C-alpha cells in the first residue's frame, strides 16, 4: 500500500514515537512525517505550540493527520487543537478548494 498521508506525532518521548508508531501504520496509507517530544530533546527543541505551527506550515507534503501520545498530559491538548485547527483553516482547506481535492 502506498504511504501518502503524512502524520505529525507528539509524544512524551521521541523513542516511543519513532519505534512504536510506524508498526501501527503498517498496511495503511499513513506514515510518520515528524515526531515532536516533551522530554528527550534539548528544551529549546521540544514541542511548543509555536514549533508545531512552524512544522505544520512548512512540511511538504502537507501533514494530514495529528497523533498525540497517550502519555501526554491532557493540559497540552487545547493548545495543540488550537494550532491544528488554525492550520486546517488557513492551509488545508484553502489548498483543497484551490485544487478541488487533495
N, C-alpha and C. Protein backbone atom coordinates (compact mmCIF):
# COMPACT_ATOMS: atom_id res chain seq x y z
N UNK A 1 0.84 -1.18 0.00
CA UNK A 1 0.00 0.00 0.00
C UNK A 1 0.89 1.25 0.00
N UNK A 2 0.53 2.19 -0.84
CA UNK A 2 1.29 3.43 -0.92
C UNK A 2 1.05 4.26 0.34
N UNK A 3 2.12 4.73 0.94
CA UNK A 3 2.03 5.56 2.14
C UNK A 3 2.09 7.02 1.71
N UNK A 4 0.95 7.67 1.69
CA UNK A 4 0.90 9.04 1.18
C UNK A 4 0.18 10.02 2.09
N UNK A 5 -0.08 9.64 3.34
CA UNK A 5 -0.72 10.56 4.28
C UNK A 5 0.26 10.83 5.42
N UNK A 6 0.89 12.01 5.42
CA UNK A 6 1.86 12.34 6.46
C UNK A 6 1.17 12.63 7.80
N UNK A 7 1.77 12.12 8.87
CA UNK A 7 1.23 12.29 10.22
C UNK A 7 2.29 12.99 11.08
N UNK A 8 1.85 13.95 11.88
CA UNK A 8 2.70 14.57 12.89
C UNK A 8 2.36 13.90 14.22
N UNK A 9 3.40 13.43 14.91
CA UNK A 9 3.22 12.74 16.19
C UNK A 9 3.81 13.61 17.30
N UNK A 10 3.04 13.78 18.38
CA UNK A 10 3.53 14.47 19.57
C UNK A 10 3.48 13.46 20.71
N UNK A 11 4.63 13.23 21.34
CA UNK A 11 4.69 12.25 22.40
C UNK A 11 5.54 12.72 23.56
N UNK A 12 5.45 11.99 24.66
CA UNK A 12 6.25 12.31 25.83
C UNK A 12 7.73 12.21 25.49
N UNK A 13 8.08 11.17 24.72
CA UNK A 13 9.47 10.99 24.30
C UNK A 13 9.53 10.56 22.85
N UNK A 14 10.62 10.88 22.19
CA UNK A 14 10.79 10.53 20.77
C UNK A 14 10.93 9.04 20.55
N UNK A 15 11.65 8.38 21.44
CA UNK A 15 11.94 6.97 21.24
C UNK A 15 10.71 6.12 20.99
N UNK A 16 9.70 6.30 21.80
CA UNK A 16 8.48 5.51 21.64
C UNK A 16 7.76 5.90 20.36
N UNK A 17 7.71 7.17 20.08
CA UNK A 17 7.03 7.61 18.86
C UNK A 17 7.70 7.10 17.60
N UNK A 18 9.02 7.06 17.63
CA UNK A 18 9.76 6.61 16.46
C UNK A 18 9.71 5.09 16.31
N UNK A 19 9.72 4.37 17.44
CA UNK A 19 9.75 2.90 17.35
C UNK A 19 8.36 2.26 17.37
N UNK A 20 7.43 2.83 18.13
CA UNK A 20 6.13 2.17 18.33
C UNK A 20 5.06 2.56 17.32
N UNK A 21 5.11 3.75 16.80
CA UNK A 21 4.04 4.22 15.91
C UNK A 21 4.13 3.64 14.50
N UNK A 22 5.29 3.64 13.85
CA UNK A 22 5.32 3.11 12.48
C UNK A 22 4.71 1.72 12.30
N UNK A 23 4.93 0.76 13.20
CA UNK A 23 4.28 -0.54 13.01
C UNK A 23 2.74 -0.46 13.04
N UNK A 24 2.21 0.49 13.79
CA UNK A 24 0.75 0.66 13.84
C UNK A 24 0.23 1.06 12.46
N UNK A 25 1.03 1.80 11.71
CA UNK A 25 0.62 2.28 10.40
C UNK A 25 0.88 1.29 9.27
N UNK A 26 1.42 0.12 9.58
CA UNK A 26 1.67 -0.87 8.52
C UNK A 26 0.36 -1.19 7.81
N UNK A 27 0.43 -1.33 6.50
CA UNK A 27 -0.72 -1.63 5.65
C UNK A 27 -1.79 -0.55 5.69
N UNK A 28 -1.37 0.68 5.95
CA UNK A 28 -2.25 1.84 5.90
C UNK A 28 -1.57 2.89 5.03
N UNK A 29 -2.29 3.93 4.63
CA UNK A 29 -1.65 4.99 3.84
C UNK A 29 -0.89 6.01 4.71
N UNK A 30 -0.87 5.83 6.03
CA UNK A 30 -0.25 6.79 6.94
C UNK A 30 1.23 6.50 7.16
N UNK A 31 2.01 7.56 7.38
CA UNK A 31 3.40 7.40 7.79
C UNK A 31 3.79 8.57 8.70
N UNK A 32 4.75 8.35 9.59
CA UNK A 32 5.21 9.39 10.49
C UNK A 32 6.11 10.34 9.72
N UNK A 33 5.64 11.58 9.56
CA UNK A 33 6.44 12.60 8.87
C UNK A 33 7.37 13.30 9.85
N UNK A 34 6.92 13.48 11.08
CA UNK A 34 7.75 14.09 12.11
C UNK A 34 7.24 13.69 13.48
N UNK A 35 8.14 13.69 14.43
CA UNK A 35 7.80 13.32 15.81
C UNK A 35 8.35 14.39 16.74
N UNK A 36 7.47 15.03 17.50
CA UNK A 36 7.88 16.03 18.48
C UNK A 36 7.76 15.41 19.86
N UNK A 37 8.65 15.80 20.77
CA UNK A 37 8.55 15.23 22.11
C UNK A 37 8.62 16.31 23.19
N UNK A 38 8.30 15.89 24.41
CA UNK A 38 8.23 16.81 25.54
C UNK A 38 9.39 16.64 26.52
N UNK A 39 10.22 15.61 26.36
CA UNK A 39 11.22 15.33 27.38
C UNK A 39 12.61 14.98 26.87
N UNK A 40 12.76 14.39 25.71
CA UNK A 40 14.03 13.78 25.33
C UNK A 40 15.02 14.71 24.64
N UNK A 41 14.55 15.68 23.90
CA UNK A 41 15.49 16.58 23.21
C UNK A 41 15.74 17.81 24.08
N UNK A 42 16.76 18.58 23.74
CA UNK A 42 17.03 19.81 24.49
C UNK A 42 15.78 20.68 24.53
N UNK A 43 15.59 21.38 25.63
CA UNK A 43 14.35 22.11 25.87
C UNK A 43 13.96 23.05 24.73
N UNK A 44 14.92 23.74 24.15
CA UNK A 44 14.58 24.70 23.10
C UNK A 44 14.06 24.04 21.83
N UNK A 45 14.22 22.72 21.72
CA UNK A 45 13.75 22.00 20.53
C UNK A 45 12.54 21.11 20.81
N UNK A 46 12.02 21.15 22.01
CA UNK A 46 10.87 20.33 22.37
C UNK A 46 9.59 20.92 21.79
N UNK A 47 8.51 20.15 21.93
CA UNK A 47 7.20 20.62 21.48
C UNK A 47 6.89 21.97 22.10
N UNK A 48 6.37 22.86 21.31
CA UNK A 48 5.72 24.09 21.76
C UNK A 48 4.66 24.39 20.71
N UNK A 49 3.60 25.12 21.07
CA UNK A 49 2.61 25.46 20.06
C UNK A 49 3.24 26.18 18.86
N UNK A 50 4.18 27.08 19.12
CA UNK A 50 4.84 27.79 18.03
C UNK A 50 5.58 26.83 17.11
N UNK A 51 6.37 25.92 17.70
CA UNK A 51 7.14 24.98 16.89
C UNK A 51 6.23 24.04 16.10
N UNK A 52 5.11 23.64 16.70
CA UNK A 52 4.15 22.82 15.96
C UNK A 52 3.63 23.58 14.75
N UNK A 53 3.30 24.86 14.93
CA UNK A 53 2.85 25.67 13.80
C UNK A 53 3.89 25.78 12.71
N UNK A 54 5.15 25.96 13.09
CA UNK A 54 6.23 26.03 12.11
C UNK A 54 6.30 24.74 11.31
N UNK A 55 6.25 23.62 12.00
CA UNK A 55 6.31 22.31 11.31
C UNK A 55 5.11 22.14 10.38
N UNK A 56 3.91 22.39 10.88
CA UNK A 56 2.71 22.18 10.07
C UNK A 56 2.73 23.04 8.81
N UNK A 57 3.14 24.29 8.95
CA UNK A 57 3.10 25.21 7.82
C UNK A 57 4.24 25.00 6.83
N UNK A 58 5.26 24.26 7.21
CA UNK A 58 6.43 24.13 6.35
C UNK A 58 6.69 22.74 5.79
N UNK A 59 6.17 21.70 6.40
CA UNK A 59 6.41 20.35 5.87
C UNK A 59 5.76 20.18 4.51
N UNK A 60 6.44 19.42 3.68
CA UNK A 60 5.86 19.05 2.38
C UNK A 60 6.24 17.61 2.10
N UNK A 61 5.30 16.76 1.77
CA UNK A 61 3.88 17.05 1.60
C UNK A 61 3.23 17.45 2.93
N UNK A 62 2.14 18.16 2.81
CA UNK A 62 1.44 18.70 3.98
C UNK A 62 0.96 17.58 4.90
N UNK A 63 1.17 17.74 6.22
CA UNK A 63 0.59 16.77 7.16
C UNK A 63 -0.93 16.77 7.05
N UNK A 64 -1.50 15.58 7.12
CA UNK A 64 -2.96 15.42 7.03
C UNK A 64 -3.56 14.86 8.30
N UNK A 65 -2.71 14.46 9.25
CA UNK A 65 -3.20 13.89 10.50
C UNK A 65 -2.25 14.24 11.62
N UNK A 66 -2.80 14.28 12.83
CA UNK A 66 -2.04 14.59 14.03
C UNK A 66 -2.34 13.53 15.06
N UNK A 67 -1.30 13.01 15.69
CA UNK A 67 -1.44 11.97 16.71
C UNK A 67 -0.76 12.45 17.98
N UNK A 68 -1.51 12.44 19.09
CA UNK A 68 -0.95 12.82 20.39
C UNK A 68 -0.87 11.56 21.23
N UNK A 69 0.31 11.27 21.75
CA UNK A 69 0.52 10.06 22.54
C UNK A 69 -0.28 10.05 23.83
N UNK A 70 -0.58 8.85 24.29
CA UNK A 70 -1.40 8.67 25.48
C UNK A 70 -0.71 9.18 26.74
N UNK A 71 0.61 9.25 26.76
CA UNK A 71 1.34 9.71 27.94
C UNK A 71 1.41 11.24 28.04
N UNK A 72 0.96 11.94 27.01
CA UNK A 72 0.99 13.40 27.02
C UNK A 72 -0.12 13.90 27.93
N UNK A 73 0.23 14.79 28.85
CA UNK A 73 -0.73 15.34 29.79
C UNK A 73 -1.86 16.03 29.03
N UNK A 74 -3.11 15.81 29.44
CA UNK A 74 -4.25 16.43 28.74
C UNK A 74 -4.19 17.95 28.67
N UNK A 75 -3.44 18.60 29.56
CA UNK A 75 -3.34 20.06 29.51
C UNK A 75 -2.70 20.56 28.21
N UNK A 76 -1.99 19.68 27.51
CA UNK A 76 -1.37 20.06 26.24
C UNK A 76 -2.35 20.04 25.08
N UNK A 77 -3.46 19.35 25.22
CA UNK A 77 -4.32 19.14 24.06
C UNK A 77 -5.00 20.40 23.56
N UNK A 78 -5.40 21.30 24.45
CA UNK A 78 -6.08 22.51 23.99
C UNK A 78 -5.18 23.37 23.10
N UNK A 79 -3.92 23.66 23.50
CA UNK A 79 -3.06 24.42 22.59
C UNK A 79 -2.78 23.67 21.28
N UNK A 80 -2.63 22.35 21.36
CA UNK A 80 -2.39 21.56 20.15
C UNK A 80 -3.59 21.68 19.21
N UNK A 81 -4.79 21.53 19.76
CA UNK A 81 -6.01 21.64 18.94
C UNK A 81 -6.11 23.02 18.30
N UNK A 82 -5.79 24.06 19.05
CA UNK A 82 -5.87 25.42 18.51
C UNK A 82 -4.93 25.57 17.31
N UNK A 83 -3.69 25.11 17.45
CA UNK A 83 -2.72 25.22 16.35
C UNK A 83 -3.15 24.36 15.17
N UNK A 84 -3.59 23.13 15.44
CA UNK A 84 -4.01 22.23 14.36
C UNK A 84 -5.21 22.81 13.61
N UNK A 85 -6.22 23.29 14.34
CA UNK A 85 -7.41 23.85 13.69
C UNK A 85 -7.07 25.08 12.86
N UNK A 86 -6.16 25.91 13.35
CA UNK A 86 -5.73 27.08 12.58
C UNK A 86 -5.04 26.63 11.29
N UNK A 87 -4.22 25.61 11.37
CA UNK A 87 -3.54 25.06 10.19
C UNK A 87 -4.55 24.51 9.19
N UNK A 88 -5.53 23.78 9.67
CA UNK A 88 -6.55 23.23 8.77
C UNK A 88 -7.28 24.36 8.05
N UNK A 89 -7.68 25.39 8.78
CA UNK A 89 -8.42 26.50 8.18
C UNK A 89 -7.57 27.32 7.21
N UNK A 90 -6.35 27.64 7.61
CA UNK A 90 -5.51 28.53 6.81
C UNK A 90 -4.76 27.84 5.68
N UNK A 91 -4.54 26.54 5.80
CA UNK A 91 -3.71 25.86 4.81
C UNK A 91 -4.48 24.75 4.09
N UNK A 92 -4.91 23.75 4.83
CA UNK A 92 -5.50 22.58 4.17
C UNK A 92 -6.78 22.90 3.42
N UNK A 93 -7.69 23.63 4.04
CA UNK A 93 -8.96 23.94 3.36
C UNK A 93 -8.73 24.83 2.15
N UNK A 94 -7.82 25.78 2.26
CA UNK A 94 -7.54 26.65 1.12
C UNK A 94 -6.92 25.86 -0.03
N UNK A 95 -5.99 24.96 0.30
CA UNK A 95 -5.38 24.14 -0.75
C UNK A 95 -6.39 23.19 -1.37
N UNK A 96 -7.28 22.66 -0.55
CA UNK A 96 -8.31 21.76 -1.08
C UNK A 96 -9.22 22.51 -2.04
N UNK A 97 -9.65 23.71 -1.64
CA UNK A 97 -10.52 24.50 -2.50
C UNK A 97 -9.80 24.91 -3.78
N UNK A 98 -8.52 25.22 -3.68
CA UNK A 98 -7.76 25.64 -4.85
C UNK A 98 -7.54 24.50 -5.84
N UNK A 99 -7.40 23.29 -5.31
CA UNK A 99 -7.10 22.16 -6.20
C UNK A 99 -8.29 21.22 -6.39
N UNK A 100 -9.42 21.51 -5.74
CA UNK A 100 -10.61 20.67 -5.81
C UNK A 100 -10.33 19.24 -5.35
N UNK A 101 -9.55 19.15 -4.31
CA UNK A 101 -9.22 17.83 -3.73
C UNK A 101 -7.79 17.81 -3.28
N UNK A 102 -7.46 16.80 -2.53
CA UNK A 102 -6.10 16.67 -2.02
C UNK A 102 -5.38 15.76 -2.92
